[in-house]
Amino acid sequence: MALTVFGEVTKSIFLKEIEAHKIHEEFEVASAVTVKKGQAVKLTTAGLVTPAVAGELEHLVIGYSIHDGAAGELVTVGIKAFTIVWAQSAGALDAGPVQIGAAGADPLYATYVAATVDQTATPDCVGWALDNATGEDEMIRVALK
């Protein structure tokens, strides 16, 4: 007798889900999309996740969803970053790929600017801003790869 008799039938997606050296971060799914387990995801400019599509630039993909999720739901994403740090914005900044910026007002925190997103150029992307900033020297979270 199968153990699924008492619950619903499930299909395996991951061979191993736990990675001690990876960060799992929770994100809200963007409107009008769904995310599937094991699917590559990227950030919207608002800091929500949306499925990456075929041919997507590698630096846009922040990680892989560990859960199924519909628009507005929370999913856990195994992100490609090795750490998340507090940093400062060098100006207005949307969530997404970032590169190192000039020194900010507080020498304790690194400063980041949006990375170039261009099909022909390889940006100096060091990670992803997880938050938006409306101006200079705002505190943001940055996932560094």
C-alpha atoms as a PDB file:
ATOM      1  CA  MET A   1       0.000   0.000   0.000  1.00  0.00           C
ATOM      2  CA  ALA A   2       1.470   3.366  -1.054  1.00  0.00           C
ATOM      3  CA  LEU A   3       1.918   6.113   1.518  1.00  0.00           C
ATOM      4  CA  THR A   4       0.055   8.563  -0.744  1.00  0.00           C
ATOM      5  CA  VAL A   5      -3.227   6.806   0.047  1.00  0.00           C
ATOM      6  CA  PHE A   6      -3.642   9.144   3.043  1.00  0.00           C
ATOM      7  CA  GLY A   7      -2.767  12.330   1.143  1.00  0.00           C
ATOM      8  CA  GLU A   8      -2.441  13.642  -2.351  1.00  0.00           C
ATOM      9  CA  VAL A   9      -0.151  12.138  -4.957  1.00  0.00           C
ATOM     10  CA  THR A  10       3.007  14.196  -5.411  1.00  0.00           C
ATOM     11  CA  LYS A  11       5.695  14.193  -8.065  1.00  0.00           C
ATOM     12  CA  SER A  12       9.358  14.654  -7.237  1.00  0.00           C
ATOM     13  CA  ILE A  13      11.086  17.691  -8.763  1.00  0.00           C
ATOM     14  CA  PHE A  14      14.329  17.986  -6.834  1.00  0.00           C
ATOM     15  CA  LEU A  15      16.791  15.182  -6.188  1.00  0.00           C
ATOM     16  CA  LYS A  16      18.201  17.114  -3.213  1.00  0.00           C
ATOM     17  CA  GLU A  17      16.629  20.327  -1.959  1.00  0.00           C
ATOM     18  CA  ILE A  18      19.008  21.296   0.826  1.00  0.00           C
ATOM     19  CA  GLU A  19      22.236  23.108   0.037  1.00  0.00           C
ATOM     20  CA  ALA A  20      24.070  24.290   3.119  1.00  0.00           C
ATOM     21  CA  HIS A  21      26.007  26.944   1.213  1.00  0.00           C
ATOM     22  CA  LYS A  22      22.999  28.492  -0.592  1.00  0.00           C
ATOM     23  CA  ILE A  23      20.642  31.167   0.638  1.00  0.00           C
ATOM     24  CA  HIS A  24      16.911  30.606   0.435  1.00  0.00           C
ATOM     25  CA  GLU A  25      14.960  33.868   0.330  1.00  0.00           C
ATOM     26  CA  GLU A  26      11.230  34.445   0.177  1.00  0.00           C
ATOM     27  CA  PHE A  27       9.771  36.589  -2.637  1.00  0.00           C
ATOM     28  CA  GLU A  28       6.286  37.534  -3.762  1.00  0.00           C
ATOM     29  CA  VAL A  29       5.245  36.321  -7.237  1.00  0.00           C
ATOM     30  CA  ALA A  30       4.526  39.152  -9.690  1.00  0.00           C
ATOM     31  CA  SER A  31       0.978  39.746 -10.925  1.00  0.00           C
ATOM     32  CA  ALA A  32      -0.416  37.783 -13.882  1.00  0.00           C
ATOM     33  CA  VAL A  33       2.246  35.016 -13.664  1.00  0.00           C
ATOM     34  CA  THR A  34       2.746  31.682 -11.928  1.00  0.00           C
ATOM     35  CA  VAL A  35       6.007  30.142 -10.836  1.00  0.00           C
ATOM     36  CA  LYS A  36       6.685  26.396 -10.781  1.00  0.00           C
ATOM     37  CA  LYS A  37       9.017  24.352  -8.599  1.00  0.00           C
ATOM     38  CA  GLY A  38      12.504  24.264 -10.099  1.00  0.00           C
ATOM     39  CA  GLN A  39      11.821  27.168 -12.479  1.00  0.00           C
ATOM     40  CA  ALA A  40      14.458  29.858 -13.038  1.00  0.00           C
ATOM     41  CA  VAL A  41      13.204  33.239 -11.815  1.00  0.00           C
ATOM     42  CA  LYS A  42      14.264  36.866 -12.158  1.00  0.00           C
ATOM     43  CA  LEU A  43      13.327  40.029 -10.278  1.00  0.00           C
ATOM     44  CA  THR A  44      10.917  42.642 -11.553  1.00  0.00           C
ATOM     45  CA  THR A  45      11.838  46.280 -10.970  1.00  0.00           C
ATOM     46  CA  ALA A  46       9.520  46.165  -7.932  1.00  0.00           C
ATOM     47  CA  GLY A  47      11.443  43.266  -6.329  1.00  0.00           C
ATOM     48  CA  LEU A  48       8.890  40.549  -7.159  1.00  0.00           C
ATOM     49  CA  VAL A  49       9.800  37.312  -8.953  1.00  0.00           C
ATOM     50  CA  THR A  50       8.688  36.289 -12.400  1.00  0.00           C
ATOM     51  CA  PRO A  51       9.706  33.281 -14.529  1.00  0.00           C
ATOM     52  CA  ALA A  52      12.806  33.690 -16.661  1.00  0.00           C
ATOM     53  CA  VAL A  53      12.281  32.825 -20.321  1.00  0.00           C
ATOM     54  CA  ALA A  54      14.394  30.961 -22.871  1.00  0.00           C
ATOM     55  CA  GLY A  55      17.317  33.095 -23.995  1.00  0.00           C
ATOM     56  CA  GLU A  56      17.197  35.248 -20.838  1.00  0.00           C
ATOM     57  CA  LEU A  57      20.509  36.842 -19.910  1.00  0.00           C
ATOM     58  CA  GLU A  58      22.245  34.776 -17.214  1.00  0.00           C
ATOM     59  CA  HIS A  59      22.799  37.725 -14.869  1.00  0.00           C
ATOM     60  CA  LEU A  60      19.052  38.443 -14.744  1.00  0.00           C
ATOM     61  CA  VAL A  61      18.270  35.026 -13.236  1.00  0.00           C
ATOM     62  CA  ILE A  62      18.459  35.387  -9.442  1.00  0.00           C
ATOM     63  CA  GLY A  63      17.822  31.713  -8.659  1.00  0.00           C
ATOM     64  CA  TYR A  64      15.340  28.840  -8.781  1.00  0.00           C
ATOM     65  CA  SER A  65      11.944  28.544  -7.126  1.00  0.00           C
ATOM     66  CA  ILE A  66      11.567  25.829  -4.534  1.00  0.00           C
ATOM     67  CA  HIS A  67       7.759  26.116  -4.488  1.00  0.00           C
ATOM     68  CA  ASP A  68       4.836  26.540  -6.873  1.00  0.00           C
ATOM     69  CA  GLY A  69       3.247  29.965  -6.545  1.00  0.00           C
ATOM     70  CA  ALA A  70       0.528  32.043  -8.167  1.00  0.00           C
ATOM     71  CA  ALA A  71       0.487  35.835  -8.500  1.00  0.00           C
ATOM     72  CA  GLY A  72       0.639  37.498  -5.090  1.00  0.00           C
ATOM     73  CA  GLU A  73       1.768  34.355  -3.261  1.00  0.00           C
ATOM     74  CA  LEU A  74       5.129  33.927  -1.571  1.00  0.00           C
ATOM     75  CA  VAL A  75       7.682  31.437  -2.886  1.00  0.00           C
ATOM     76  CA  THR A  76      11.068  30.462  -1.554  1.00  0.00           C
ATOM     77  CA  VAL A  77      13.883  30.928  -4.042  1.00  0.00           C
ATOM     78  CA  GLY A  78      17.266  29.233  -3.809  1.00  0.00           C
ATOM     79  CA  ILE A  79      19.253  32.282  -4.889  1.00  0.00           C
ATOM     80  CA  LYS A  80      22.622  32.208  -6.633  1.00  0.00           C
ATOM     81  CA  ALA A  81      24.072  34.720  -4.167  1.00  0.00           C
ATOM     82  CA  PHE A  82      26.338  33.686  -1.313  1.00  0.00           C
ATOM     83  CA  THR A  83      25.350  36.522   1.037  1.00  0.00           C
ATOM     84  CA  ILE A  84      22.946  39.436   1.477  1.00  0.00           C
ATOM     85  CA  VAL A  85      24.383  42.725   2.766  1.00  0.00           C
ATOM     86  CA  TRP A  86      23.092  46.150   3.705  1.00  0.00           C
ATOM     87  CA  ALA A  87      24.283  48.741   1.217  1.00  0.00           C
ATOM     88  CA  GLN A  88      23.469  52.208  -0.066  1.00  0.00           C
ATOM     89  CA  SER A  89      22.033  53.318  -3.367  1.00  0.00           C
ATOM     90  CA  ALA A  90      24.049  55.737  -5.496  1.00  0.00           C
ATOM     91  CA  GLY A  91      20.786  57.226  -6.747  1.00  0.00           C
ATOM     92  CA  ALA A  92      17.320  56.060  -7.760  1.00  0.00           C
ATOM     93  CA  LEU A  93      17.504  52.285  -8.194  1.00  0.00           C
ATOM     94  CA  ASP A  94      15.088  49.529  -9.152  1.00  0.00           C
ATOM     95  CA  ALA A  95      15.401  45.985  -7.844  1.00  0.00           C
ATOM     96  CA  GLY A  96      17.571  43.849 -10.126  1.00  0.00           C
ATOM     97  CA  PRO A  97      21.189  43.481 -11.270  1.00  0.00           C
ATOM     98  CA  VAL A  98      23.689  45.914  -9.739  1.00  0.00           C
ATOM     99  CA  GLN A  99      27.316  46.863 -10.073  1.00  0.00           C
ATOM    100  CA  ILE A 100      29.638  48.685  -7.679  1.00  0.00           C
ATOM    101  CA  GLY A 101      29.118  52.441  -7.504  1.00  0.00           C
ATOM    102  CA  ALA A 102      31.173  55.374  -6.223  1.00  0.00           C
ATOM    103  CA  ALA A 103      31.660  55.821  -2.478  1.00  0.00           C
ATOM    104  CA  GLY A 104      28.550  56.949  -0.626  1.00  0.00           C
ATOM    105  CA  ALA A 105      27.978  59.257   2.323  1.00  0.00           C
ATOM    106  CA  ASP A 106      28.569  56.526   4.929  1.00  0.00           C
ATOM    107  CA  PRO A 107      31.929  54.739   4.507  1.00  0.00           C
ATOM    108  CA  LEU A 108      30.585  51.718   6.407  1.00  0.00           C
ATOM    109  CA  TYR A 109      28.314  50.681   3.516  1.00  0.00           C
ATOM    110  CA  ALA A 110      29.189  49.860  -0.078  1.00  0.00           C
ATOM    111  CA  THR A 111      27.305  51.747  -2.794  1.00  0.00           C
ATOM    112  CA  TYR A 112      25.648  50.120  -5.813  1.00  0.00           C
ATOM    113  CA  VAL A 113      24.146  51.282  -9.114  1.00  0.00           C
ATOM    114  CA  ALA A 114      22.017  49.455 -11.677  1.00  0.00           C
ATOM    115  CA  ALA A 115      24.019  47.114 -13.923  1.00  0.00           C
ATOM    116  CA  THR A 116      23.759  47.578 -17.661  1.00  0.00           C
ATOM    117  CA  VAL A 117      21.242  45.178 -19.167  1.00  0.00           C
ATOM    118  CA  ASP A 118      22.355  44.827 -22.753  1.00  0.00           C
ATOM    119  CA  GLN A 119      22.219  41.848 -25.111  1.00  0.00           C
ATOM    120  CA  THR A 120      25.614  42.711 -26.613  1.00  0.00           C
ATOM    121  CA  ALA A 121      27.640  43.751 -23.565  1.00  0.00           C
ATOM    122  CA  THR A 122      28.554  41.740 -20.491  1.00  0.00           C
ATOM    123  CA  PRO A 123      27.745  43.897 -17.477  1.00  0.00           C
ATOM    124  CA  ASP A 124      29.878  44.075 -14.387  1.00  0.00           C
ATOM    125  CA  CYS A 125      27.042  42.543 -12.371  1.00  0.00           C
ATOM    126  CA  VAL A 126      28.100  41.743  -8.814  1.00  0.00           C
ATOM    127  CA  GLY A 127      24.653  40.840  -7.513  1.00  0.00           C
ATOM    128  CA  TRP A 128      21.041  41.958  -7.247  1.00  0.00           C
ATOM    129  CA  ALA A 129      19.364  44.799  -5.364  1.00  0.00           C
ATOM    130  CA  LEU A 130      16.423  43.262  -3.518  1.00  0.00           C
ATOM    131  CA  ASP A 131      14.877  46.644  -2.729  1.00  0.00           C
ATOM    132  CA  ASN A 132      14.044  49.819  -4.631  1.00  0.00           C
ATOM    133  CA  ALA A 133      15.553  53.201  -3.790  1.00  0.00           C
ATOM    134  CA  THR A 134      14.085  56.561  -4.729  1.00  0.00           C
ATOM    135  CA  GLY A 135      17.313  58.495  -4.231  1.00  0.00           C
ATOM    136  CA  GLU A 136      20.934  58.572  -3.172  1.00  0.00           C
ATOM    137  CA  ASP A 137      22.268  56.968   0.047  1.00  0.00           C
ATOM    138  CA  GLU A 138      19.133  54.935   0.815  1.00  0.00           C
ATOM    139  CA  MET A 139      19.610  51.638   2.639  1.00  0.00           C
ATOM    140  CA  ILE A 140      18.972  48.612   0.406  1.00  0.00           C
ATOM    141  CA  ARG A 141      19.608  44.884   0.607  1.00  0.00           C
ATOM    142  CA  VAL A 142      21.985  43.503  -2.000  1.00  0.00           C
ATOM    143  CA  ALA A 143      22.449  39.792  -2.716  1.00  0.00           C
ATOM    144  CA  LEU A 144      26.086  39.350  -3.787  1.00  0.00           C
ATOM    145  CA  LYS A 145      27.111  36.545  -6.113  1.00  0.00           C
END
